[in-house]
């Protein structure tokens, strides 16, 4: 019984490690744009910091994460280059709506730990998908604007 009481709680370093699990592979994927476009890097760092701040362990953190992801989806929808990108942005927006409603329901008494874990997993999957697309789209937009400015 004493062993259970001495189990360590999640530390800040484990939170950083958790963020690294989803952020680093995405940043590596966008590295080609990040090295040549510092403005993209600044935008990505800002969004990553917002996502890092929010903990998905509690409904309030999920709501914060959903709000940040909604900003990214809005950007993706506005800069969509074709119908597929527009359709994907709409699908993400619907999934975010669903997560937001679920988080609001989980603030009510009687919400189970299992329900919170399930929602956390869904939001983490969305975060990875949307953030990767966000980095990619910002890079594409930076390359496109660079091409426009050099043609003039």
C-alpha atoms as a PDB file:
ATOM      1  CA  UNK A   1       0.000   0.000   0.000  1.00  0.00           C
ATOM      2  CA  UNK A   2       2.840   2.408   0.775  1.00  0.00           C
ATOM      3  CA  UNK A   3       4.172   1.876  -2.752  1.00  0.00           C
ATOM      4  CA  UNK A   4       1.033   3.324  -4.251  1.00  0.00           C
ATOM      5  CA  UNK A   5       1.286   6.452  -2.137  1.00  0.00           C
ATOM      6  CA  UNK A   6       4.870   7.084  -3.231  1.00  0.00           C
ATOM      7  CA  UNK A   7       4.227   6.961  -6.979  1.00  0.00           C
ATOM      8  CA  UNK A   8       5.565  10.148  -8.576  1.00  0.00           C
ATOM      9  CA  UNK A   9       3.203  12.557 -10.227  1.00  0.00           C
ATOM     10  CA  UNK A  10       3.758  13.775 -13.757  1.00  0.00           C
ATOM     11  CA  UNK A  11       6.479  16.396 -13.758  1.00  0.00           C
ATOM     12  CA  UNK A  12       7.138  19.309 -16.052  1.00  0.00           C
ATOM     13  CA  UNK A  13       9.823  17.263 -17.757  1.00  0.00           C
ATOM     14  CA  UNK A  14       7.316  14.515 -18.571  1.00  0.00           C
ATOM     15  CA  UNK A  15       4.974  17.168 -19.987  1.00  0.00           C
ATOM     16  CA  UNK A  16       7.821  18.422 -22.176  1.00  0.00           C
ATOM     17  CA  UNK A  17       8.572  14.872 -23.259  1.00  0.00           C
ATOM     18  CA  UNK A  18       4.911  14.345 -24.140  1.00  0.00           C
ATOM     19  CA  UNK A  19       4.937  17.524 -26.255  1.00  0.00           C
ATOM     20  CA  UNK A  20       8.115  16.403 -27.965  1.00  0.00           C
ATOM     21  CA  UNK A  21       6.373  13.187 -29.014  1.00  0.00           C
ATOM     22  CA  UNK A  22       3.955  15.088 -31.235  1.00  0.00           C
ATOM     23  CA  UNK A  23       5.819  18.304 -32.034  1.00  0.00           C
ATOM     24  CA  UNK A  24       9.303  17.147 -33.035  1.00  0.00           C
ATOM     25  CA  UNK A  25       8.280  14.768 -35.832  1.00  0.00           C
ATOM     26  CA  UNK A  26       6.042  17.476 -37.254  1.00  0.00           C
ATOM     27  CA  UNK A  27       8.782  20.077 -37.104  1.00  0.00           C
ATOM     28  CA  UNK A  28      11.161  17.669 -38.801  1.00  0.00           C
ATOM     29  CA  UNK A  29       8.633  17.217 -41.604  1.00  0.00           C
ATOM     30  CA  UNK A  30       8.474  20.978 -42.114  1.00  0.00           C
ATOM     31  CA  UNK A  31      12.223  21.540 -41.769  1.00  0.00           C
ATOM     32  CA  UNK A  32      12.756  22.402 -45.421  1.00  0.00           C
ATOM     33  CA  UNK A  33      10.574  25.490 -45.088  1.00  0.00           C
ATOM     34  CA  UNK A  34      11.602  26.352 -41.575  1.00  0.00           C
ATOM     35  CA  UNK A  35      15.259  26.743 -42.500  1.00  0.00           C
ATOM     36  CA  UNK A  36      14.627  29.081 -45.414  1.00  0.00           C
ATOM     37  CA  UNK A  37      11.636  30.991 -44.009  1.00  0.00           C
ATOM     38  CA  UNK A  38      12.178  32.372 -40.502  1.00  0.00           C
ATOM     39  CA  UNK A  39       8.683  33.908 -40.508  1.00  0.00           C
ATOM     40  CA  UNK A  40       7.238  30.405 -40.801  1.00  0.00           C
ATOM     41  CA  UNK A  41       9.404  29.252 -37.899  1.00  0.00           C
ATOM     42  CA  UNK A  42       8.096  32.093 -35.705  1.00  0.00           C
ATOM     43  CA  UNK A  43       4.472  31.249 -36.495  1.00  0.00           C
ATOM     44  CA  UNK A  44       5.050  27.559 -35.843  1.00  0.00           C
ATOM     45  CA  UNK A  45       6.812  28.265 -32.543  1.00  0.00           C
ATOM     46  CA  UNK A  46       3.916  30.486 -31.439  1.00  0.00           C
ATOM     47  CA  UNK A  47       1.302  27.841 -32.242  1.00  0.00           C
ATOM     48  CA  UNK A  48       3.371  25.066 -30.667  1.00  0.00           C
ATOM     49  CA  UNK A  49       3.731  27.119 -27.481  1.00  0.00           C
ATOM     50  CA  UNK A  50      -0.032  27.606 -27.318  1.00  0.00           C
ATOM     51  CA  UNK A  51      -0.601  23.883 -27.770  1.00  0.00           C
ATOM     52  CA  UNK A  52       2.088  23.023 -25.220  1.00  0.00           C
ATOM     53  CA  UNK A  53       0.457  25.242 -22.600  1.00  0.00           C
ATOM     54  CA  UNK A  54      -2.865  23.405 -22.695  1.00  0.00           C
ATOM     55  CA  UNK A  55      -3.127  20.088 -20.878  1.00  0.00           C
ATOM     56  CA  UNK A  56      -5.563  17.620 -22.393  1.00  0.00           C
ATOM     57  CA  UNK A  57      -6.002  15.783 -19.100  1.00  0.00           C
ATOM     58  CA  UNK A  58      -8.937  17.971 -18.072  1.00  0.00           C
ATOM     59  CA  UNK A  59     -11.926  19.298 -20.033  1.00  0.00           C
ATOM     60  CA  UNK A  60     -10.782  22.924 -19.635  1.00  0.00           C
ATOM     61  CA  UNK A  61      -7.440  22.039 -21.221  1.00  0.00           C
ATOM     62  CA  UNK A  62      -9.216  20.254 -24.049  1.00  0.00           C
ATOM     63  CA  UNK A  63     -11.297  23.374 -24.690  1.00  0.00           C
ATOM     64  CA  UNK A  64      -8.132  25.481 -24.818  1.00  0.00           C
ATOM     65  CA  UNK A  65      -6.479  23.039 -27.219  1.00  0.00           C
ATOM     66  CA  UNK A  66      -9.592  22.988 -29.412  1.00  0.00           C
ATOM     67  CA  UNK A  67      -9.552  26.798 -29.585  1.00  0.00           C
ATOM     68  CA  UNK A  68      -5.915  26.811 -30.739  1.00  0.00           C
ATOM     69  CA  UNK A  69      -6.578  24.063 -33.268  1.00  0.00           C
ATOM     70  CA  UNK A  70      -9.601  25.984 -34.518  1.00  0.00           C
ATOM     71  CA  UNK A  71      -7.281  28.933 -35.326  1.00  0.00           C
ATOM     72  CA  UNK A  72      -5.089  26.582 -37.329  1.00  0.00           C
ATOM     73  CA  UNK A  73      -8.050  25.037 -39.154  1.00  0.00           C
ATOM     74  CA  UNK A  74      -9.338  28.520 -40.010  1.00  0.00           C
ATOM     75  CA  UNK A  75      -5.940  29.328 -41.507  1.00  0.00           C
ATOM     76  CA  UNK A  76      -5.978  26.055 -43.453  1.00  0.00           C
ATOM     77  CA  UNK A  77      -9.478  26.740 -44.775  1.00  0.00           C
ATOM     78  CA  UNK A  78      -8.565  30.276 -45.859  1.00  0.00           C
ATOM     79  CA  UNK A  79      -5.403  29.205 -47.640  1.00  0.00           C
ATOM     80  CA  UNK A  80      -6.802  25.992 -49.170  1.00  0.00           C
ATOM     81  CA  UNK A  81      -5.493  25.501 -52.700  1.00  0.00           C
ATOM     82  CA  UNK A  82      -8.076  22.989 -53.872  1.00  0.00           C
ATOM     83  CA  UNK A  83     -11.360  21.284 -53.010  1.00  0.00           C
ATOM     84  CA  UNK A  84      -9.624  18.461 -51.120  1.00  0.00           C
ATOM     85  CA  UNK A  85      -7.933  20.889 -48.732  1.00  0.00           C
ATOM     86  CA  UNK A  86     -11.227  22.731 -48.207  1.00  0.00           C
ATOM     87  CA  UNK A  87     -13.018  19.449 -47.516  1.00  0.00           C
ATOM     88  CA  UNK A  88     -10.313  18.378 -45.043  1.00  0.00           C
ATOM     89  CA  UNK A  89     -10.531  21.705 -43.193  1.00  0.00           C
ATOM     90  CA  UNK A  90     -14.326  21.336 -42.899  1.00  0.00           C
ATOM     91  CA  UNK A  91     -13.925  17.765 -41.627  1.00  0.00           C
ATOM     92  CA  UNK A  92     -11.421  18.907 -38.991  1.00  0.00           C
ATOM     93  CA  UNK A  93     -13.758  21.720 -37.951  1.00  0.00           C
ATOM     94  CA  UNK A  94     -16.585  19.205 -37.425  1.00  0.00           C
ATOM     95  CA  UNK A  95     -14.322  16.916 -35.398  1.00  0.00           C
ATOM     96  CA  UNK A  96     -13.245  19.891 -33.276  1.00  0.00           C
ATOM     97  CA  UNK A  97     -16.916  20.770 -32.692  1.00  0.00           C
ATOM     98  CA  UNK A  98     -17.497  17.211 -31.517  1.00  0.00           C
ATOM     99  CA  UNK A  99     -14.507  17.340 -29.151  1.00  0.00           C
ATOM    100  CA  UNK A 100     -15.648  20.686 -27.797  1.00  0.00           C
ATOM    101  CA  UNK A 101     -19.128  19.360 -27.045  1.00  0.00           C
ATOM    102  CA  UNK A 102     -17.663  16.255 -25.416  1.00  0.00           C
ATOM    103  CA  UNK A 103     -15.361  18.378 -23.232  1.00  0.00           C
ATOM    104  CA  UNK A 104     -18.308  20.478 -22.108  1.00  0.00           C
ATOM    105  CA  UNK A 105     -20.247  17.327 -21.209  1.00  0.00           C
ATOM    106  CA  UNK A 106     -17.271  15.982 -19.272  1.00  0.00           C
ATOM    107  CA  UNK A 107     -17.373  18.981 -16.934  1.00  0.00           C
ATOM    108  CA  UNK A 108     -20.663  17.644 -15.547  1.00  0.00           C
ATOM    109  CA  UNK A 109     -20.714  15.387 -12.492  1.00  0.00           C
ATOM    110  CA  UNK A 110     -20.514  11.699 -13.294  1.00  0.00           C
ATOM    111  CA  UNK A 111     -17.963  11.948 -16.092  1.00  0.00           C
ATOM    112  CA  UNK A 112     -15.660   8.961 -16.025  1.00  0.00           C
ATOM    113  CA  UNK A 113     -11.891   8.783 -16.268  1.00  0.00           C
ATOM    114  CA  UNK A 114     -12.312   6.490 -19.278  1.00  0.00           C
ATOM    115  CA  UNK A 115     -14.358   9.141 -21.097  1.00  0.00           C
ATOM    116  CA  UNK A 116     -11.701  11.776 -20.347  1.00  0.00           C
ATOM    117  CA  UNK A 117      -8.940   9.451 -21.599  1.00  0.00           C
ATOM    118  CA  UNK A 118     -10.870   8.727 -24.789  1.00  0.00           C
ATOM    119  CA  UNK A 119     -11.374  12.431 -25.445  1.00  0.00           C
ATOM    120  CA  UNK A 120      -7.722  13.170 -24.673  1.00  0.00           C
ATOM    121  CA  UNK A 121      -6.646  10.569 -27.242  1.00  0.00           C
ATOM    122  CA  UNK A 122      -8.986  11.996 -29.904  1.00  0.00           C
ATOM    123  CA  UNK A 123      -7.725  15.518 -29.306  1.00  0.00           C
ATOM    124  CA  UNK A 124      -4.080  14.410 -29.412  1.00  0.00           C
ATOM    125  CA  UNK A 125      -4.662  12.696 -32.766  1.00  0.00           C
ATOM    126  CA  UNK A 126      -6.348  15.807 -34.114  1.00  0.00           C
ATOM    127  CA  UNK A 127      -3.553  17.991 -32.761  1.00  0.00           C
ATOM    128  CA  UNK A 128      -0.951  15.953 -34.639  1.00  0.00           C
ATOM    129  CA  UNK A 129      -2.909  15.920 -37.901  1.00  0.00           C
ATOM    130  CA  UNK A 130      -3.851  19.582 -37.860  1.00  0.00           C
ATOM    131  CA  UNK A 131      -0.476  20.872 -36.678  1.00  0.00           C
ATOM    132  CA  UNK A 132       1.322  18.888 -39.415  1.00  0.00           C
ATOM    133  CA  UNK A 133      -1.011  20.305 -42.060  1.00  0.00           C
ATOM    134  CA  UNK A 134      -0.599  23.789 -40.584  1.00  0.00           C
ATOM    135  CA  UNK A 135       3.207  23.607 -40.823  1.00  0.00           C
ATOM    136  CA  UNK A 136       2.976  22.269 -44.364  1.00  0.00           C
ATOM    137  CA  UNK A 137       0.533  24.963 -45.491  1.00  0.00           C
ATOM    138  CA  UNK A 138       2.541  27.774 -43.912  1.00  0.00           C
ATOM    139  CA  UNK A 139       5.615  26.523 -45.772  1.00  0.00           C
ATOM    140  CA  UNK A 140       3.733  26.302 -49.053  1.00  0.00           C
ATOM    141  CA  UNK A 141       2.354  29.800 -48.579  1.00  0.00           C
ATOM    142  CA  UNK A 142       5.830  31.149 -47.776  1.00  0.00           C
ATOM    143  CA  UNK A 143       7.269  29.532 -50.906  1.00  0.00           C
ATOM    144  CA  UNK A 144       4.378  30.854 -52.986  1.00  0.00           C
ATOM    145  CA  UNK A 145       4.809  34.412 -51.676  1.00  0.00           C
ATOM    146  CA  UNK A 146       8.574  34.182 -52.244  1.00  0.00           C
ATOM    147  CA  UNK A 147       7.924  33.139 -55.845  1.00  0.00           C
ATOM    148  CA  UNK A 148       5.590  36.094 -56.329  1.00  0.00           C
ATOM    149  CA  UNK A 149       8.038  38.616 -54.899  1.00  0.00           C
ATOM    150  CA  UNK A 150      10.988  37.372 -56.988  1.00  0.00           C
ATOM    151  CA  UNK A 151       8.980  37.498 -60.217  1.00  0.00           C
ATOM    152  CA  UNK A 152       8.251  41.183 -59.867  1.00  0.00           C
END
